Amino acid sequence: MTASERGEQVLAAAVSAFAESGYAATKTDEIARRAGVSQPYVIRLFGSKQQLFLAATRAVCERVEAIFRAGVEAVGPDADTETRMAAMGDGYRALLLERDLPLVLMHGMAASADPVIGDAVRERYGSMYHLLRELTGASPVQAREFFATGMLLTMMAAMRVIGADAVHTDWAEEIMTNLDETETC
């Protein structure tokens, strides 16, 4: 296995571990164990737990941005704002089925009291906001509603009230039944 492949393996293990335990509670030895490498190797690759967490958060945000771009590309250059936003929302809802990804996003926001993490998370979230506006022509109000709905869905996925292994709740079913696709993220 190449060093690059090993780095991707460690990063995947980190996403899984951080999703499960968050930034503060996750130990680099747990990430190393999941990746099948030594803890010093994890540190050698990423420098510190903080840098590894930032890499995991960045990877998840890059995945969201790729989904946004793919959604807009799928509907074509002549699609209107609402159609583009709906396509992006459909992609994001599919991403929510990969339970670790929304959890890492939430843990990134929760760890934002750390100045380095906070700066990085705010910058990435801002990038996603600007990307949405750029790709769709959405107004600030449309973008706010899109991200507000996306955050609601992210929290619902974290609570396991939506998704493949969802715990049934009447309120979650009501939200999902009445969800206007043009507002989703």
N, C-alpha and C. Protein backbone atom coordinates (compact mmCIF):
# COMPACT_ATOMS: atom_id res chain seq x y z
N MET A 1 0.85 -1.17 0.00
CA MET A 1 0.00 0.00 0.00
C MET A 1 0.90 1.24 0.00
N THR A 2 0.56 2.21 -0.86
CA THR A 2 1.36 3.44 -0.94
C THR A 2 1.09 4.33 0.27
N ALA A 3 1.98 5.28 0.49
CA ALA A 3 1.79 6.23 1.59
C ALA A 3 0.50 7.03 1.41
N SER A 4 0.19 7.37 0.18
CA SER A 4 -1.04 8.11 -0.11
C SER A 4 -2.27 7.27 0.23
N GLU A 5 -2.24 6.01 -0.15
CA GLU A 5 -3.36 5.11 0.17
C GLU A 5 -3.49 4.93 1.68
N ARG A 6 -2.37 4.81 2.35
CA ARG A 6 -2.38 4.66 3.81
C ARG A 6 -2.94 5.93 4.46
N GLY A 7 -2.57 7.09 3.94
CA GLY A 7 -3.12 8.35 4.45
C GLY A 7 -4.63 8.42 4.28
N GLU A 8 -5.14 7.96 3.14
CA GLU A 8 -6.59 7.92 2.91
C GLU A 8 -7.26 6.94 3.87
N GLN A 9 -6.60 5.84 4.15
CA GLN A 9 -7.13 4.85 5.09
C GLN A 9 -7.20 5.45 6.49
N VAL A 10 -6.19 6.16 6.91
CA VAL A 10 -6.18 6.82 8.22
C VAL A 10 -7.26 7.89 8.26
N LEU A 11 -7.40 8.66 7.18
CA LEU A 11 -8.42 9.70 7.13
C LEU A 11 -9.82 9.11 7.24
N ALA A 12 -10.07 8.01 6.55
CA ALA A 12 -11.38 7.34 6.64
C ALA A 12 -11.64 6.85 8.06
N ALA A 13 -10.62 6.31 8.70
CA ALA A 13 -10.76 5.87 10.09
C ALA A 13 -11.03 7.06 11.00
N ALA A 14 -10.38 8.18 10.71
CA ALA A 14 -10.58 9.39 11.52
C ALA A 14 -12.00 9.91 11.37
N VAL A 15 -12.53 9.92 10.16
CA VAL A 15 -13.91 10.37 9.95
C VAL A 15 -14.85 9.51 10.78
N SER A 16 -14.66 8.22 10.74
CA SER A 16 -15.50 7.30 11.51
C SER A 16 -15.37 7.53 13.02
N ALA A 17 -14.15 7.66 13.49
CA ALA A 17 -13.93 7.85 14.94
C ALA A 17 -14.44 9.20 15.41
N PHE A 18 -14.16 10.27 14.67
CA PHE A 18 -14.63 11.59 15.06
C PHE A 18 -16.15 11.67 15.00
N ALA A 19 -16.76 11.00 14.03
CA ALA A 19 -18.23 10.97 13.96
C ALA A 19 -18.82 10.34 15.20
N GLU A 20 -18.17 9.30 15.67
CA GLU A 20 -18.67 8.56 16.83
C GLU A 20 -18.44 9.30 18.14
N SER A 21 -17.25 9.91 18.31
CA SER A 21 -16.88 10.44 19.63
C SER A 21 -16.64 11.94 19.67
N GLY A 22 -16.61 12.61 18.54
CA GLY A 22 -16.32 14.03 18.52
C GLY A 22 -14.84 14.30 18.63
N TYR A 23 -14.49 15.56 18.59
CA TYR A 23 -13.08 15.95 18.61
C TYR A 23 -12.43 15.66 19.95
N ALA A 24 -13.00 16.17 21.02
CA ALA A 24 -12.36 16.08 22.34
C ALA A 24 -12.19 14.64 22.82
N ALA A 25 -13.18 13.80 22.59
CA ALA A 25 -13.15 12.45 23.16
C ALA A 25 -12.42 11.42 22.29
N THR A 26 -12.13 11.75 21.07
CA THR A 26 -11.47 10.80 20.18
C THR A 26 -9.96 10.82 20.42
N LYS A 27 -9.39 9.66 20.57
CA LYS A 27 -7.95 9.51 20.80
C LYS A 27 -7.29 9.06 19.49
N THR A 28 -6.10 9.55 19.26
CA THR A 28 -5.39 9.16 18.04
C THR A 28 -5.06 7.67 18.04
N ASP A 29 -4.91 7.04 19.23
CA ASP A 29 -4.65 5.59 19.22
C ASP A 29 -5.87 4.83 18.71
N GLU A 30 -7.09 5.36 18.96
CA GLU A 30 -8.30 4.70 18.45
C GLU A 30 -8.33 4.81 16.92
N ILE A 31 -7.97 5.96 16.41
CA ILE A 31 -7.92 6.13 14.96
C ILE A 31 -6.88 5.19 14.36
N ALA A 32 -5.72 5.11 14.98
CA ALA A 32 -4.67 4.21 14.51
C ALA A 32 -5.14 2.76 14.51
N ARG A 33 -5.80 2.36 15.59
CA ARG A 33 -6.32 0.99 15.68
C ARG A 33 -7.29 0.70 14.53
N ARG A 34 -8.21 1.64 14.28
CA ARG A 34 -9.18 1.45 13.20
C ARG A 34 -8.51 1.38 11.84
N ALA A 35 -7.43 2.13 11.68
CA ALA A 35 -6.73 2.16 10.39
C ALA A 35 -5.71 1.03 10.25
N GLY A 36 -5.40 0.34 11.37
CA GLY A 36 -4.43 -0.74 11.32
C GLY A 36 -2.99 -0.24 11.22
N VAL A 37 -2.74 0.92 11.84
CA VAL A 37 -1.38 1.49 11.84
C VAL A 37 -1.04 1.87 13.28
N SER A 38 0.18 2.32 13.48
CA SER A 38 0.58 2.76 14.82
C SER A 38 0.16 4.21 15.06
N GLN A 39 0.01 4.56 16.33
CA GLN A 39 -0.36 5.93 16.69
C GLN A 39 0.72 6.92 16.25
N PRO A 40 2.01 6.61 16.42
CA PRO A 40 3.03 7.55 15.92
C PRO A 40 2.95 7.77 14.41
N TYR A 41 2.53 6.75 13.68
CA TYR A 41 2.38 6.90 12.23
C TYR A 41 1.27 7.89 11.90
N VAL A 42 0.17 7.84 12.65
CA VAL A 42 -0.93 8.79 12.46
C VAL A 42 -0.41 10.21 12.65
N ILE A 43 0.34 10.42 13.72
CA ILE A 43 0.89 11.75 14.01
C ILE A 43 1.90 12.16 12.94
N ARG A 44 2.70 11.22 12.48
CA ARG A 44 3.67 11.52 11.43
C ARG A 44 2.96 11.98 10.15
N LEU A 45 1.82 11.35 9.83
CA LEU A 45 1.08 11.71 8.63
C LEU A 45 0.39 13.07 8.74
N PHE A 46 -0.20 13.35 9.92
CA PHE A 46 -1.05 14.53 10.04
C PHE A 46 -0.53 15.60 11.00
N GLY A 47 0.47 15.29 11.79
CA GLY A 47 1.07 16.29 12.67
C GLY A 47 0.48 16.35 14.05
N SER A 48 -0.84 16.29 14.15
CA SER A 48 -1.51 16.36 15.46
C SER A 48 -2.95 15.89 15.29
N LYS A 49 -3.59 15.64 16.40
CA LYS A 49 -5.00 15.28 16.36
C LYS A 49 -5.81 16.43 15.77
N GLN A 50 -5.46 17.65 16.12
CA GLN A 50 -6.17 18.81 15.60
C GLN A 50 -6.08 18.87 14.07
N GLN A 51 -4.89 18.66 13.54
CA GLN A 51 -4.71 18.69 12.09
C GLN A 51 -5.46 17.54 11.41
N LEU A 52 -5.51 16.40 12.05
CA LEU A 52 -6.27 15.27 11.52
C LEU A 52 -7.77 15.57 11.53
N PHE A 53 -8.25 16.19 12.60
CA PHE A 53 -9.66 16.58 12.66
C PHE A 53 -9.98 17.59 11.56
N LEU A 54 -9.10 18.55 11.36
CA LEU A 54 -9.30 19.53 10.29
C LEU A 54 -9.32 18.85 8.93
N ALA A 55 -8.45 17.87 8.73
CA ALA A 55 -8.44 17.12 7.46
C ALA A 55 -9.74 16.35 7.27
N ALA A 56 -10.24 15.75 8.34
CA ALA A 56 -11.51 15.01 8.26
C ALA A 56 -12.66 15.96 7.94
N THR A 57 -12.69 17.09 8.61
CA THR A 57 -13.75 18.09 8.36
C THR A 57 -13.65 18.61 6.94
N ARG A 58 -12.45 18.90 6.49
CA ARG A 58 -12.24 19.39 5.12
C ARG A 58 -12.72 18.34 4.11
N ALA A 59 -12.41 17.07 4.35
CA ALA A 59 -12.82 16.01 3.42
C ALA A 59 -14.34 15.93 3.33
N VAL A 60 -15.03 16.06 4.45
CA VAL A 60 -16.49 16.01 4.43
C VAL A 60 -17.04 17.23 3.69
N CYS A 61 -16.50 18.41 3.95
CA CYS A 61 -16.97 19.61 3.26
C CYS A 61 -16.70 19.53 1.76
N GLU A 62 -15.56 18.99 1.38
CA GLU A 62 -15.26 18.82 -0.04
C GLU A 62 -16.26 17.86 -0.69
N ARG A 63 -16.67 16.87 0.06
CA ARG A 63 -17.68 15.93 -0.44
C ARG A 63 -19.01 16.63 -0.66
N VAL A 64 -19.41 17.49 0.29
CA VAL A 64 -20.65 18.26 0.15
C VAL A 64 -20.55 19.15 -1.08
N GLU A 65 -19.44 19.85 -1.23
CA GLU A 65 -19.26 20.74 -2.38
C GLU A 65 -19.31 19.96 -3.69
N ALA A 66 -18.72 18.77 -3.72
CA ALA A 66 -18.76 17.94 -4.93
C ALA A 66 -20.19 17.52 -5.25
N ILE A 67 -20.96 17.23 -4.22
CA ILE A 67 -22.37 16.86 -4.42
C ILE A 67 -23.15 18.05 -4.95
N PHE A 68 -22.88 19.23 -4.43
CA PHE A 68 -23.54 20.43 -4.93
C PHE A 68 -23.23 20.63 -6.42
N ARG A 69 -21.96 20.52 -6.78
CA ARG A 69 -21.56 20.71 -8.18
C ARG A 69 -22.20 19.64 -9.08
N ALA A 70 -22.20 18.40 -8.63
CA ALA A 70 -22.79 17.32 -9.42
C ALA A 70 -24.29 17.52 -9.61
N GLY A 71 -24.96 18.00 -8.59
CA GLY A 71 -26.40 18.26 -8.70
C GLY A 71 -26.70 19.30 -9.76
N VAL A 72 -25.95 20.38 -9.75
CA VAL A 72 -26.16 21.44 -10.73
C VAL A 72 -25.79 20.96 -12.13
N GLU A 73 -24.71 20.21 -12.23
CA GLU A 73 -24.30 19.68 -13.53
C GLU A 73 -25.36 18.74 -14.09
N ALA A 74 -26.00 17.95 -13.22
CA ALA A 74 -27.00 16.99 -13.66
C ALA A 74 -28.23 17.65 -14.28
N VAL A 75 -28.60 18.83 -13.77
CA VAL A 75 -29.80 19.49 -14.32
C VAL A 75 -29.48 20.39 -15.50
N GLY A 76 -28.21 20.64 -15.75
CA GLY A 76 -27.81 21.37 -16.94
C GLY A 76 -27.75 22.87 -16.76
N PRO A 77 -27.10 23.53 -17.70
CA PRO A 77 -26.84 24.96 -17.59
C PRO A 77 -28.07 25.85 -17.72
N ASP A 78 -29.14 25.32 -18.28
CA ASP A 78 -30.34 26.14 -18.49
C ASP A 78 -31.35 26.04 -17.36
N ALA A 79 -31.05 25.24 -16.33
CA ALA A 79 -32.00 25.07 -15.22
C ALA A 79 -32.10 26.36 -14.41
N ASP A 80 -33.29 26.59 -13.87
CA ASP A 80 -33.49 27.79 -13.05
C ASP A 80 -32.97 27.57 -11.63
N THR A 81 -32.97 28.62 -10.85
CA THR A 81 -32.43 28.58 -9.48
C THR A 81 -33.08 27.49 -8.65
N GLU A 82 -34.39 27.41 -8.67
CA GLU A 82 -35.10 26.43 -7.83
C GLU A 82 -34.74 25.00 -8.23
N THR A 83 -34.64 24.74 -9.52
CA THR A 83 -34.30 23.40 -9.99
C THR A 83 -32.87 23.04 -9.57
N ARG A 84 -31.96 23.99 -9.67
CA ARG A 84 -30.58 23.75 -9.26
C ARG A 84 -30.49 23.48 -7.76
N MET A 85 -31.22 24.28 -6.99
CA MET A 85 -31.20 24.08 -5.53
C MET A 85 -31.82 22.74 -5.16
N ALA A 86 -32.89 22.36 -5.85
CA ALA A 86 -33.52 21.07 -5.57
C ALA A 86 -32.56 19.92 -5.86
N ALA A 87 -31.81 20.03 -6.95
CA ALA A 87 -30.84 18.98 -7.29
C ALA A 87 -29.74 18.91 -6.24
N MET A 88 -29.29 20.07 -5.78
CA MET A 88 -28.27 20.08 -4.72
C MET A 88 -28.84 19.47 -3.44
N GLY A 89 -30.07 19.80 -3.12
CA GLY A 89 -30.72 19.25 -1.92
C GLY A 89 -30.89 17.75 -2.00
N ASP A 90 -31.25 17.25 -3.17
CA ASP A 90 -31.39 15.79 -3.34
C ASP A 90 -30.05 15.10 -3.08
N GLY A 91 -28.98 15.69 -3.59
CA GLY A 91 -27.65 15.12 -3.36
C GLY A 91 -27.28 15.14 -1.89
N TYR A 92 -27.60 16.24 -1.22
CA TYR A 92 -27.27 16.34 0.21
C TYR A 92 -28.06 15.32 1.01
N ARG A 93 -29.32 15.13 0.66
CA ARG A 93 -30.12 14.14 1.38
C ARG A 93 -29.54 12.74 1.19
N ALA A 94 -29.00 12.45 0.02
CA ALA A 94 -28.35 11.16 -0.19
C ALA A 94 -27.09 11.05 0.67
N LEU A 95 -26.35 12.13 0.79
CA LEU A 95 -25.15 12.14 1.63
C LEU A 95 -25.50 11.86 3.09
N LEU A 96 -26.66 12.32 3.54
CA LEU A 96 -27.06 12.11 4.93
C LEU A 96 -27.21 10.63 5.28
N LEU A 97 -27.37 9.79 4.27
CA LEU A 97 -27.47 8.35 4.51
C LEU A 97 -26.13 7.78 4.96
N GLU A 98 -25.05 8.48 4.64
CA GLU A 98 -23.72 8.08 5.12
C GLU A 98 -23.53 8.75 6.47
N ARG A 99 -24.00 8.12 7.49
CA ARG A 99 -24.17 8.69 8.82
C ARG A 99 -22.95 9.42 9.37
N ASP A 100 -21.76 8.97 9.08
CA ASP A 100 -20.57 9.61 9.62
C ASP A 100 -20.39 11.04 9.13
N LEU A 101 -20.79 11.30 7.90
CA LEU A 101 -20.51 12.61 7.30
C LEU A 101 -21.25 13.75 8.00
N PRO A 102 -22.57 13.65 8.21
CA PRO A 102 -23.23 14.76 8.92
C PRO A 102 -22.75 14.88 10.37
N LEU A 103 -22.38 13.77 10.97
CA LEU A 103 -21.90 13.83 12.35
C LEU A 103 -20.57 14.58 12.43
N VAL A 104 -19.68 14.37 11.48
CA VAL A 104 -18.41 15.11 11.48
C VAL A 104 -18.68 16.60 11.29
N LEU A 105 -19.63 16.94 10.42
CA LEU A 105 -20.00 18.36 10.26
C LEU A 105 -20.45 18.95 11.58
N MET A 106 -21.31 18.23 12.27
CA MET A 106 -21.83 18.73 13.56
C MET A 106 -20.72 18.83 14.60
N HIS A 107 -19.85 17.83 14.65
CA HIS A 107 -18.75 17.88 15.62
C HIS A 107 -17.79 19.03 15.29
N GLY A 108 -17.62 19.32 14.01
CA GLY A 108 -16.80 20.46 13.62
C GLY A 108 -17.37 21.76 14.14
N MET A 109 -18.67 21.91 14.02
CA MET A 109 -19.32 23.11 14.54
C MET A 109 -19.21 23.17 16.06
N ALA A 110 -19.40 22.02 16.71
CA ALA A 110 -19.34 21.97 18.17
C ALA A 110 -17.94 22.27 18.69
N ALA A 111 -16.92 21.93 17.92
CA ALA A 111 -15.54 22.16 18.35
C ALA A 111 -15.02 23.54 17.95
N SER A 112 -15.88 24.39 17.44
CA SER A 112 -15.47 25.70 16.92
C SER A 112 -15.03 26.69 17.99
N ALA A 113 -15.16 26.34 19.26
CA ALA A 113 -14.61 27.21 20.31
C ALA A 113 -13.08 27.20 20.25
N ASP A 114 -12.50 26.12 19.74
CA ASP A 114 -11.06 26.08 19.50
C ASP A 114 -10.79 27.04 18.35
N PRO A 115 -9.93 28.04 18.57
CA PRO A 115 -9.74 29.07 17.53
C PRO A 115 -9.32 28.53 16.17
N VAL A 116 -8.45 27.56 16.13
CA VAL A 116 -7.98 27.02 14.85
C VAL A 116 -9.11 26.26 14.16
N ILE A 117 -9.78 25.41 14.91
CA ILE A 117 -10.89 24.65 14.33
C ILE A 117 -12.01 25.60 13.94
N GLY A 118 -12.35 26.53 14.81
CA GLY A 118 -13.42 27.48 14.52
C GLY A 118 -13.17 28.26 13.24
N ASP A 119 -11.96 28.77 13.08
CA ASP A 119 -11.63 29.51 11.86
C ASP A 119 -11.81 28.64 10.62
N ALA A 120 -11.33 27.41 10.69
CA ALA A 120 -11.42 26.50 9.54
C ALA A 120 -12.87 26.13 9.23
N VAL A 121 -13.65 25.82 10.25
CA VAL A 121 -15.04 25.43 10.04
C VAL A 121 -15.85 26.61 9.49
N ARG A 122 -15.64 27.79 10.04
CA ARG A 122 -16.36 28.96 9.54
C ARG A 122 -15.99 29.24 8.08
N GLU A 123 -14.72 29.11 7.75
CA GLU A 123 -14.28 29.34 6.38
C GLU A 123 -14.92 28.32 5.43
N ARG A 124 -14.93 27.05 5.82
CA ARG A 124 -15.51 26.01 4.96
C ARG A 124 -17.01 26.18 4.80
N TYR A 125 -17.70 26.50 5.88
CA TYR A 125 -19.15 26.70 5.79
C TYR A 125 -19.44 27.89 4.89
N GLY A 126 -18.65 28.95 5.04
CA GLY A 126 -18.80 30.11 4.16
C GLY A 126 -18.55 29.75 2.71
N SER A 127 -17.57 28.89 2.46
CA SER A 127 -17.30 28.45 1.09
C SER A 127 -18.49 27.71 0.50
N MET A 128 -19.12 26.86 1.32
CA MET A 128 -20.30 26.13 0.83
C MET A 128 -21.44 27.10 0.53
N TYR A 129 -21.62 28.10 1.40
CA TYR A 129 -22.65 29.11 1.19
C TYR A 129 -22.40 29.86 -0.13
N HIS A 130 -21.18 30.33 -0.32
CA HIS A 130 -20.86 31.08 -1.54
C HIS A 130 -20.96 30.19 -2.78
N LEU A 131 -20.59 28.93 -2.65
CA LEU A 131 -20.71 28.01 -3.77
C LEU A 131 -22.18 27.84 -4.17
N LEU A 132 -23.05 27.66 -3.20
CA LEU A 132 -24.48 27.56 -3.48
C LEU A 132 -24.96 28.79 -4.25
N ARG A 133 -24.61 29.96 -3.78
CA ARG A 133 -25.06 31.19 -4.44
C ARG A 133 -24.49 31.28 -5.85
N GLU A 134 -23.22 30.93 -5.99
CA GLU A 134 -22.57 31.00 -7.30
C GLU A 134 -23.18 30.01 -8.29
N LEU A 135 -23.43 28.79 -7.86
CA LEU A 135 -23.92 27.75 -8.77
C LEU A 135 -25.39 27.88 -9.10
N THR A 136 -26.15 28.54 -8.23
CA THR A 136 -27.60 28.58 -8.44
C THR A 136 -28.15 29.96 -8.72
N GLY A 137 -27.43 31.00 -8.36
CA GLY A 137 -27.99 32.35 -8.45
C GLY A 137 -28.96 32.65 -7.34
N ALA A 138 -28.93 31.84 -6.27
CA ALA A 138 -29.86 32.03 -5.14
C ALA A 138 -29.62 33.37 -4.46
N SER A 139 -30.69 33.95 -3.98
CA SER A 139 -30.60 35.17 -3.19
C SER A 139 -30.10 34.81 -1.79
N PRO A 140 -29.67 35.80 -1.01
CA PRO A 140 -29.28 35.50 0.37
C PRO A 140 -30.40 34.83 1.17
N VAL A 141 -31.64 35.24 0.95
CA VAL A 141 -32.77 34.63 1.67
C VAL A 141 -32.94 33.18 1.24
N GLN A 142 -32.88 32.91 -0.05
CA GLN A 142 -32.99 31.52 -0.53
C GLN A 142 -31.86 30.66 0.02
N ALA A 143 -30.64 31.21 0.03
CA ALA A 143 -29.49 30.47 0.55
C ALA A 143 -29.67 30.20 2.04
N ARG A 144 -30.15 31.18 2.79
CA ARG A 144 -30.37 30.99 4.22
C ARG A 144 -31.39 29.88 4.46
N GLU A 145 -32.49 29.89 3.73
CA GLU A 145 -33.52 28.86 3.90
C GLU A 145 -32.98 27.48 3.52
N PHE A 146 -32.19 27.43 2.47
CA PHE A 146 -31.59 26.17 2.04
C PHE A 146 -30.69 25.60 3.13
N PHE A 147 -29.82 26.43 3.68
CA PHE A 147 -28.90 25.95 4.72
C PHE A 147 -29.63 25.68 6.04
N ALA A 148 -30.65 26.44 6.33
CA ALA A 148 -31.43 26.16 7.55
C ALA A 148 -32.10 24.80 7.45
N THR A 149 -32.68 24.51 6.31
CA THR A 149 -33.30 23.21 6.12
C THR A 149 -32.25 22.11 6.13
N GLY A 150 -31.11 22.37 5.52
CA GLY A 150 -30.02 21.40 5.53
C GLY A 150 -29.55 21.09 6.94
N MET A 151 -29.46 22.12 7.78
CA MET A 151 -29.04 21.90 9.17
C MET A 151 -30.08 21.09 9.92
N LEU A 152 -31.36 21.39 9.68
CA LEU A 152 -32.43 20.59 10.30
C LEU A 152 -32.28 19.12 9.90
N LEU A 153 -32.07 18.88 8.62
CA LEU A 153 -31.92 17.49 8.15
C LEU A 153 -30.67 16.84 8.72
N THR A 154 -29.59 17.62 8.86
CA THR A 154 -28.35 17.10 9.45
C THR A 154 -28.59 16.68 10.89
N MET A 155 -29.29 17.52 11.65
CA MET A 155 -29.59 17.17 13.05
C MET A 155 -30.51 15.96 13.12
N MET A 156 -31.48 15.89 12.21
CA MET A 156 -32.39 14.74 12.21
C MET A 156 -31.63 13.45 11.88
N ALA A 157 -30.68 13.54 10.96
CA ALA A 157 -29.86 12.36 10.64
C ALA A 157 -29.03 11.97 11.86
N ALA A 158 -28.46 12.94 12.55
CA ALA A 158 -27.65 12.65 13.75
C ALA A 158 -28.50 12.00 14.84
N MET A 159 -29.76 12.40 14.94
CA MET A 159 -30.66 11.82 15.94
C MET A 159 -31.25 10.49 15.49
N ARG A 160 -30.95 10.12 14.25
CA ARG A 160 -31.45 8.87 13.65
C ARG A 160 -32.97 8.84 13.55
N VAL A 161 -33.55 9.96 13.19
CA VAL A 161 -34.99 9.97 12.94
C VAL A 161 -35.27 10.02 11.44
N ILE A 162 -34.22 10.12 10.62
CA ILE A 162 -34.32 9.93 9.17
C ILE A 162 -33.16 9.03 8.76
N GLY A 163 -33.32 8.38 7.63
CA GLY A 163 -32.27 7.50 7.13
C GLY A 163 -32.68 6.05 7.19
N ALA A 164 -31.77 5.20 6.78
CA ALA A 164 -32.04 3.77 6.67
C ALA A 164 -32.39 3.12 8.00
N ASP A 165 -31.72 3.53 9.07
CA ASP A 165 -31.97 2.92 10.38
C ASP A 165 -32.76 3.86 11.29
N ALA A 166 -33.67 4.62 10.69
CA ALA A 166 -34.41 5.65 11.42
C ALA A 166 -35.31 5.07 12.52
N VAL A 167 -35.30 5.77 13.63
CA VAL A 167 -36.25 5.50 14.71
C VAL A 167 -37.50 6.31 14.37
N HIS A 168 -38.63 5.65 14.29
CA HIS A 168 -39.85 6.33 13.86
C HIS A 168 -40.30 7.35 14.91
N THR A 169 -40.55 8.56 14.44
CA THR A 169 -41.18 9.60 15.25
C THR A 169 -42.19 10.31 14.36
N ASP A 170 -43.33 10.63 14.94
CA ASP A 170 -44.37 11.32 14.17
C ASP A 170 -43.90 12.67 13.67
N TRP A 171 -43.17 13.40 14.52
CA TRP A 171 -42.76 14.75 14.13
C TRP A 171 -41.77 14.72 12.96
N ALA A 172 -40.86 13.74 12.94
CA ALA A 172 -39.89 13.65 11.84
C ALA A 172 -40.62 13.28 10.55
N GLU A 173 -41.56 12.36 10.66
CA GLU A 173 -42.33 11.98 9.47
C GLU A 173 -43.10 13.17 8.92
N GLU A 174 -43.66 13.97 9.82
CA GLU A 174 -44.40 15.15 9.39
C GLU A 174 -43.48 16.14 8.68
N ILE A 175 -42.30 16.35 9.23
CA ILE A 175 -41.34 17.27 8.60
C ILE A 175 -40.97 16.77 7.20
N MET A 176 -40.66 15.50 7.10
CA MET A 176 -40.21 14.97 5.82
C MET A 176 -41.35 14.94 4.79
N THR A 177 -42.57 14.69 5.23
CA THR A 177 -43.71 14.67 4.33
C THR A 177 -43.99 16.06 3.77
N ASN A 178 -43.77 17.08 4.58
CA ASN A 178 -44.10 18.44 4.17
C ASN A 178 -42.90 19.24 3.69
N LEU A 179 -41.80 18.57 3.49
CA LEU A 179 -40.58 19.26 3.06
C LEU A 179 -40.71 19.71 1.61
N ASP A 180 -40.51 20.99 1.40
CA ASP A 180 -40.52 21.54 0.06
C ASP A 180 -39.14 21.34 -0.53
N GLU A 181 -39.02 20.56 -1.57
CA GLU A 181 -37.71 20.20 -2.13
C GLU A 181 -36.88 21.41 -2.53
N THR A 182 -37.50 22.51 -2.86
CA THR A 182 -36.71 23.68 -3.27
C THR A 182 -36.01 24.33 -2.10
N GLU A 183 -36.37 23.95 -0.88
CA GLU A 183 -35.74 24.53 0.29
C GLU A 183 -34.69 23.61 0.89
N THR A 184 -34.57 22.40 0.40
CA THR A 184 -33.70 21.43 1.07
C THR A 184 -32.24 21.64 0.76
N CYS A 185 -31.48 21.18 1.71
CA CYS A 185 -30.04 21.16 1.53
C CYS A 185 -29.60 19.75 1.74
